[in-house]
Amino acid sequence: MTPTVVMPIRDFDGFTRLAGLLTSPERADLAIELADSVRAAAIAAGLPVHIVSSDAAVRRWADDHDVPVVEDPGGGLDEACEAAIADMTTWLVVHADLPGLDAPTLVGLAEAAASGVVIAPSADGGTNVIGAPHPIRFQFGPGSFHRHLADHPSATVVVDPRTSIEIDTPAHLDGMPATWMPSSLGAR
């Protein structure tokens, strides 16, 4: 069964830890560019995409791209993801701030999710991608990779820069391959 890519997007006003580098409109442009990139990678991989959000701007963006939206019930990322996968058999939760994510990587993650739990940690020990052919308990936040792995010790773990490098802080921009640098960041 083909997994559905679930992209939780609280809003496009995030990236507050980049406030010293980017203005609010620039951060919004970055968030949209990254979401576009992840959505495009999923489509190129032949995977359906659903967004989970309650934000009006995110919902308009999803509508503009004919992407179904699951209402975020509030309560945080764990609850949002639980709501999104409630009626899905096989799914991949993919964060929308992965500049290097591409279709072949998503195909590999989808294949792994079709047969069991797959987890792709972030470079700092979080969870950037997680998927399964059944519901799980989400435990996002700092150190979430180890919590998810403790719940699913036989999970397939995918360590790949395409899934581990995210953009949340200025430090994440250091050492990022130039080809992955979002155009909205210009030559920084």
C-alpha atoms as a PDB file:
ATOM      1  CA  MET A   1       0.000   0.000   0.000  1.00  0.00           C
ATOM      2  CA  THR A   2       1.288   3.463  -0.927  1.00  0.00           C
ATOM      3  CA  PRO A   3       1.869   5.619   2.140  1.00  0.00           C
ATOM      4  CA  THR A   4       0.379   9.080   2.390  1.00  0.00           C
ATOM      5  CA  VAL A   5       2.870  11.821   3.204  1.00  0.00           C
ATOM      6  CA  VAL A   6       1.540  13.865   6.118  1.00  0.00           C
ATOM      7  CA  MET A   7       3.090  17.315   6.460  1.00  0.00           C
ATOM      8  CA  PRO A   8       2.255  19.046   9.742  1.00  0.00           C
ATOM      9  CA  ILE A   9       2.503  22.808   9.240  1.00  0.00           C
ATOM     10  CA  ARG A  10       1.425  24.936  12.180  1.00  0.00           C
ATOM     11  CA  ASP A  11       1.762  28.154  10.170  1.00  0.00           C
ATOM     12  CA  PHE A  12       4.089  30.033   7.835  1.00  0.00           C
ATOM     13  CA  ASP A  13       5.003  32.546  10.551  1.00  0.00           C
ATOM     14  CA  GLY A  14       7.537  30.268  12.208  1.00  0.00           C
ATOM     15  CA  PHE A  15      11.300  30.106  12.052  1.00  0.00           C
ATOM     16  CA  THR A  16      11.455  32.582  14.934  1.00  0.00           C
ATOM     17  CA  ARG A  17      14.953  31.344  15.779  1.00  0.00           C
ATOM     18  CA  LEU A  18      16.018  32.814  12.421  1.00  0.00           C
ATOM     19  CA  ALA A  19      14.699  36.269  13.368  1.00  0.00           C
ATOM     20  CA  GLY A  20      18.244  37.638  13.659  1.00  0.00           C
ATOM     21  CA  LEU A  21      18.899  36.714  10.022  1.00  0.00           C
ATOM     22  CA  LEU A  22      15.527  37.116   8.336  1.00  0.00           C
ATOM     23  CA  THR A  23      12.577  39.459   8.557  1.00  0.00           C
ATOM     24  CA  SER A  24       9.127  38.048   9.218  1.00  0.00           C
ATOM     25  CA  PRO A  25       8.165  38.125   5.500  1.00  0.00           C
ATOM     26  CA  GLU A  26      11.469  36.455   4.584  1.00  0.00           C
ATOM     27  CA  ARG A  27      10.838  33.705   7.139  1.00  0.00           C
ATOM     28  CA  ALA A  28       7.341  33.182   5.699  1.00  0.00           C
ATOM     29  CA  ASP A  29       8.827  32.949   2.180  1.00  0.00           C
ATOM     30  CA  LEU A  30      11.325  30.377   3.463  1.00  0.00           C
ATOM     31  CA  ALA A  31       8.581  28.305   5.107  1.00  0.00           C
ATOM     32  CA  ILE A  32       6.516  28.292   1.919  1.00  0.00           C
ATOM     33  CA  GLU A  33       9.526  27.462  -0.257  1.00  0.00           C
ATOM     34  CA  LEU A  34      10.489  24.530   1.960  1.00  0.00           C
ATOM     35  CA  ALA A  35       6.906  23.236   2.096  1.00  0.00           C
ATOM     36  CA  ASP A  36       6.716  23.510  -1.708  1.00  0.00           C
ATOM     37  CA  SER A  37       9.955  21.542  -1.986  1.00  0.00           C
ATOM     38  CA  VAL A  38       8.822  18.710   0.304  1.00  0.00           C
ATOM     39  CA  ARG A  39       5.423  18.552  -1.419  1.00  0.00           C
ATOM     40  CA  ALA A  40       7.109  18.430  -4.843  1.00  0.00           C
ATOM     41  CA  ALA A  41       9.418  15.612  -3.710  1.00  0.00           C
ATOM     42  CA  ALA A  42       6.416  13.599  -2.511  1.00  0.00           C
ATOM     43  CA  ILE A  43       4.544  14.143  -5.775  1.00  0.00           C
ATOM     44  CA  ALA A  44       7.653  13.187  -7.785  1.00  0.00           C
ATOM     45  CA  ALA A  45       7.831  10.022  -5.664  1.00  0.00           C
ATOM     46  CA  GLY A  46       4.216   9.217  -6.553  1.00  0.00           C
ATOM     47  CA  LEU A  47       3.008   9.661  -2.977  1.00  0.00           C
ATOM     48  CA  PRO A  48      -0.219  11.412  -1.999  1.00  0.00           C
ATOM     49  CA  VAL A  49       0.170  14.386   0.343  1.00  0.00           C
ATOM     50  CA  HIS A  50      -2.026  15.631   3.172  1.00  0.00           C
ATOM     51  CA  ILE A  51      -1.383  18.726   5.262  1.00  0.00           C
ATOM     52  CA  VAL A  52      -2.371  18.947   8.918  1.00  0.00           C
ATOM     53  CA  SER A  53      -2.989  22.520  10.002  1.00  0.00           C
ATOM     54  CA  SER A  54      -5.616  24.961  11.235  1.00  0.00           C
ATOM     55  CA  ASP A  55      -3.850  28.054   9.940  1.00  0.00           C
ATOM     56  CA  ALA A  56      -5.771  29.963   7.256  1.00  0.00           C
ATOM     57  CA  ALA A  57      -2.673  30.791   5.163  1.00  0.00           C
ATOM     58  CA  VAL A  58      -1.507  27.168   5.197  1.00  0.00           C
ATOM     59  CA  ARG A  59      -4.997  26.002   4.239  1.00  0.00           C
ATOM     60  CA  ARG A  60      -5.065  28.465   1.295  1.00  0.00           C
ATOM     61  CA  TRP A  61      -1.631  27.247   0.188  1.00  0.00           C
ATOM     62  CA  ALA A  62      -2.840  23.636   0.365  1.00  0.00           C
ATOM     63  CA  ASP A  63      -6.027  24.496  -1.546  1.00  0.00           C
ATOM     64  CA  ASP A  64      -3.932  26.240  -4.224  1.00  0.00           C
ATOM     65  CA  HIS A  65      -2.006  22.974  -4.663  1.00  0.00           C
ATOM     66  CA  ASP A  66      -5.051  20.663  -4.407  1.00  0.00           C
ATOM     67  CA  VAL A  67      -3.665  19.102  -1.237  1.00  0.00           C
ATOM     68  CA  PRO A  68      -6.195  17.812   1.304  1.00  0.00           C
ATOM     69  CA  VAL A  69      -6.026  19.380   4.750  1.00  0.00           C
ATOM     70  CA  VAL A  70      -6.689  17.618   8.039  1.00  0.00           C
ATOM     71  CA  GLU A  71      -7.811  19.973  10.786  1.00  0.00           C
ATOM     72  CA  ASP A  72      -5.243  20.327  13.567  1.00  0.00           C
ATOM     73  CA  PRO A  73      -7.171  19.644  16.796  1.00  0.00           C
ATOM     74  CA  GLY A  74      -4.757  21.746  18.856  1.00  0.00           C
ATOM     75  CA  GLY A  75      -2.657  20.396  21.658  1.00  0.00           C
ATOM     76  CA  GLY A  76       0.646  20.171  19.838  1.00  0.00           C
ATOM     77  CA  LEU A  77       2.457  18.227  17.154  1.00  0.00           C
ATOM     78  CA  ASP A  78       1.733  14.782  18.600  1.00  0.00           C
ATOM     79  CA  GLU A  79      -2.019  15.377  18.579  1.00  0.00           C
ATOM     80  CA  ALA A  80      -1.903  16.931  15.102  1.00  0.00           C
ATOM     81  CA  CYS A  81      -0.148  13.871  13.686  1.00  0.00           C
ATOM     82  CA  GLU A  82      -2.490  11.486  15.494  1.00  0.00           C
ATOM     83  CA  ALA A  83      -5.471  13.300  13.937  1.00  0.00           C
ATOM     84  CA  ALA A  84      -3.881  13.206  10.488  1.00  0.00           C
ATOM     85  CA  ILE A  85      -3.194   9.465  10.428  1.00  0.00           C
ATOM     86  CA  ALA A  86      -6.423   8.402  12.155  1.00  0.00           C
ATOM     87  CA  ASP A  87      -8.020   7.148   8.924  1.00  0.00           C
ATOM     88  CA  MET A  88      -4.836   6.113   7.112  1.00  0.00           C
ATOM     89  CA  THR A  89      -3.441   2.641   6.812  1.00  0.00           C
ATOM     90  CA  THR A  90       0.121   3.481   5.767  1.00  0.00           C
ATOM     91  CA  TRP A  91       1.640   6.910   6.256  1.00  0.00           C
ATOM     92  CA  LEU A  92       4.822   8.972   6.563  1.00  0.00           C
ATOM     93  CA  VAL A  93       4.943  12.088   8.724  1.00  0.00           C
ATOM     94  CA  VAL A  94       7.469  14.323   6.992  1.00  0.00           C
ATOM     95  CA  HIS A  95       8.449  17.695   8.400  1.00  0.00           C
ATOM     96  CA  ALA A  96       8.271  20.578   5.956  1.00  0.00           C
ATOM     97  CA  ASP A  97      11.713  22.043   6.680  1.00  0.00           C
ATOM     98  CA  LEU A  98      13.938  19.496   4.928  1.00  0.00           C
ATOM     99  CA  PRO A  99      15.801  21.324   2.122  1.00  0.00           C
ATOM    100  CA  GLY A 100      17.563  18.240   0.753  1.00  0.00           C
ATOM    101  CA  LEU A 101      14.621  15.855   0.631  1.00  0.00           C
ATOM    102  CA  ASP A 102      14.137  14.280  -2.785  1.00  0.00           C
ATOM    103  CA  ALA A 103      11.868  11.747  -4.467  1.00  0.00           C
ATOM    104  CA  PRO A 104      14.256   8.742  -4.338  1.00  0.00           C
ATOM    105  CA  THR A 105      14.724   9.232  -0.591  1.00  0.00           C
ATOM    106  CA  LEU A 106      10.964   9.371  -0.083  1.00  0.00           C
ATOM    107  CA  VAL A 107      10.473   6.241  -2.189  1.00  0.00           C
ATOM    108  CA  GLY A 108      12.887   4.367   0.102  1.00  0.00           C
ATOM    109  CA  LEU A 109      11.144   5.676   3.214  1.00  0.00           C
ATOM    110  CA  ALA A 110       7.740   4.731   1.762  1.00  0.00           C
ATOM    111  CA  GLU A 111       8.904   1.189   1.035  1.00  0.00           C
ATOM    112  CA  ALA A 112      10.175   0.842   4.596  1.00  0.00           C
ATOM    113  CA  ALA A 113       6.942   2.266   6.064  1.00  0.00           C
ATOM    114  CA  ALA A 114       4.865  -0.217   4.089  1.00  0.00           C
ATOM    115  CA  SER A 115       6.418  -3.098   6.028  1.00  0.00           C
ATOM    116  CA  GLY A 116       7.043  -1.594   9.473  1.00  0.00           C
ATOM    117  CA  VAL A 117       8.020   1.478  11.428  1.00  0.00           C
ATOM    118  CA  VAL A 118      10.644   3.696   9.811  1.00  0.00           C
ATOM    119  CA  ILE A 119      12.334   6.599  11.597  1.00  0.00           C
ATOM    120  CA  ALA A 120      14.678   9.230  10.163  1.00  0.00           C
ATOM    121  CA  PRO A 121      16.296  11.238  12.952  1.00  0.00           C
ATOM    122  CA  SER A 122      17.292  14.858  12.731  1.00  0.00           C
ATOM    123  CA  ALA A 123      20.937  15.729  13.238  1.00  0.00           C
ATOM    124  CA  ASP A 124      20.135  16.935  16.765  1.00  0.00           C
ATOM    125  CA  GLY A 125      18.243  13.816  17.905  1.00  0.00           C
ATOM    126  CA  GLY A 126      14.707  14.780  16.938  1.00  0.00           C
ATOM    127  CA  THR A 127      12.506  12.969  14.436  1.00  0.00           C
ATOM    128  CA  ASN A 128      12.181  14.477  10.956  1.00  0.00           C
ATOM    129  CA  VAL A 129      10.386  11.539   9.316  1.00  0.00           C
ATOM    130  CA  ILE A 130       8.447   8.682  10.861  1.00  0.00           C
ATOM    131  CA  GLY A 131       6.106   6.242   9.196  1.00  0.00           C
ATOM    132  CA  ALA A 132       4.304   2.950   9.640  1.00  0.00           C
ATOM    133  CA  PRO A 133       1.533   0.722   8.307  1.00  0.00           C
ATOM    134  CA  HIS A 134      -0.428   1.235  11.534  1.00  0.00           C
ATOM    135  CA  PRO A 135      -1.052   3.908  14.201  1.00  0.00           C
ATOM    136  CA  ILE A 136       1.684   4.683  16.695  1.00  0.00           C
ATOM    137  CA  ARG A 137       2.122   6.952  19.680  1.00  0.00           C
ATOM    138  CA  PHE A 138       3.946  10.116  18.660  1.00  0.00           C
ATOM    139  CA  GLN A 139       6.522  11.668  20.982  1.00  0.00           C
ATOM    140  CA  PHE A 140       7.929  14.670  19.144  1.00  0.00           C
ATOM    141  CA  GLY A 141      10.206  17.234  20.753  1.00  0.00           C
ATOM    142  CA  PRO A 142      13.880  17.304  21.746  1.00  0.00           C
ATOM    143  CA  GLY A 143      15.294  13.775  21.857  1.00  0.00           C
ATOM    144  CA  SER A 144      12.215  12.301  20.166  1.00  0.00           C
ATOM    145  CA  PHE A 145      14.212   9.924  17.990  1.00  0.00           C
ATOM    146  CA  HIS A 146      15.293   7.910  21.047  1.00  0.00           C
ATOM    147  CA  ARG A 147      11.744   7.851  22.460  1.00  0.00           C
ATOM    148  CA  HIS A 148      10.311   6.689  19.145  1.00  0.00           C
ATOM    149  CA  LEU A 149      13.042   4.070  18.810  1.00  0.00           C
ATOM    150  CA  ALA A 150      12.461   2.837  22.373  1.00  0.00           C
ATOM    151  CA  ASP A 151       8.794   2.279  21.489  1.00  0.00           C
ATOM    152  CA  HIS A 152       9.758   0.560  18.211  1.00  0.00           C
ATOM    153  CA  PRO A 153      13.173  -1.108  18.706  1.00  0.00           C
ATOM    154  CA  SER A 154      12.887  -3.080  15.445  1.00  0.00           C
ATOM    155  CA  ALA A 155      12.199   0.065  13.392  1.00  0.00           C
ATOM    156  CA  THR A 156      14.167   0.739  10.254  1.00  0.00           C
ATOM    157  CA  VAL A 157      16.382   3.726  11.027  1.00  0.00           C
ATOM    158  CA  VAL A 158      17.373   5.888   8.081  1.00  0.00           C
ATOM    159  CA  VAL A 159      20.332   8.179   8.681  1.00  0.00           C
ATOM    160  CA  ASP A 160      20.709  10.360   5.620  1.00  0.00           C
ATOM    161  CA  PRO A 161      21.596  14.048   5.267  1.00  0.00           C
ATOM    162  CA  ARG A 162      18.511  14.461   3.057  1.00  0.00           C
ATOM    163  CA  THR A 163      16.333  13.718   6.076  1.00  0.00           C
ATOM    164  CA  SER A 164      18.578  14.761   8.950  1.00  0.00           C
ATOM    165  CA  ILE A 165      19.411  18.299   7.815  1.00  0.00           C
ATOM    166  CA  GLU A 166      16.585  20.682   8.635  1.00  0.00           C
ATOM    167  CA  ILE A 167      16.303  24.443   8.855  1.00  0.00           C
ATOM    168  CA  ASP A 168      15.275  25.668  12.294  1.00  0.00           C
ATOM    169  CA  THR A 169      18.220  27.702  13.546  1.00  0.00           C
ATOM    170  CA  PRO A 170      21.130  29.710  12.096  1.00  0.00           C
ATOM    171  CA  ALA A 171      23.438  26.803  12.994  1.00  0.00           C
ATOM    172  CA  HIS A 172      21.502  24.570  10.618  1.00  0.00           C
ATOM    173  CA  LEU A 173      22.579  26.806   7.737  1.00  0.00           C
ATOM    174  CA  ASP A 174      26.272  26.279   8.484  1.00  0.00           C
ATOM    175  CA  GLY A 175      27.691  23.498   6.380  1.00  0.00           C
ATOM    176  CA  MET A 176      24.498  22.937   4.400  1.00  0.00           C
ATOM    177  CA  PRO A 177      25.291  21.918   0.833  1.00  0.00           C
ATOM    178  CA  ALA A 178      24.992  24.994  -1.385  1.00  0.00           C
ATOM    179  CA  THR A 179      22.703  23.108  -3.768  1.00  0.00           C
ATOM    180  CA  TRP A 180      20.186  22.671  -0.932  1.00  0.00           C
ATOM    181  CA  MET A 181      20.185  26.327   0.101  1.00  0.00           C
ATOM    182  CA  PRO A 182      16.664  27.661  -0.447  1.00  0.00           C
ATOM    183  CA  SER A 183      16.551  30.517  -2.952  1.00  0.00           C
ATOM    184  CA  SER A 184      14.638  32.647  -0.432  1.00  0.00           C
ATOM    185  CA  LEU A 185      17.817  32.719   1.670  1.00  0.00           C
ATOM    186  CA  GLY A 186      19.865  34.139  -1.193  1.00  0.00           C
ATOM    187  CA  ALA A 187      23.629  34.089  -0.891  1.00  0.00           C
ATOM    188  CA  ARG A 188      24.067  34.040   2.887  1.00  0.00           C
END
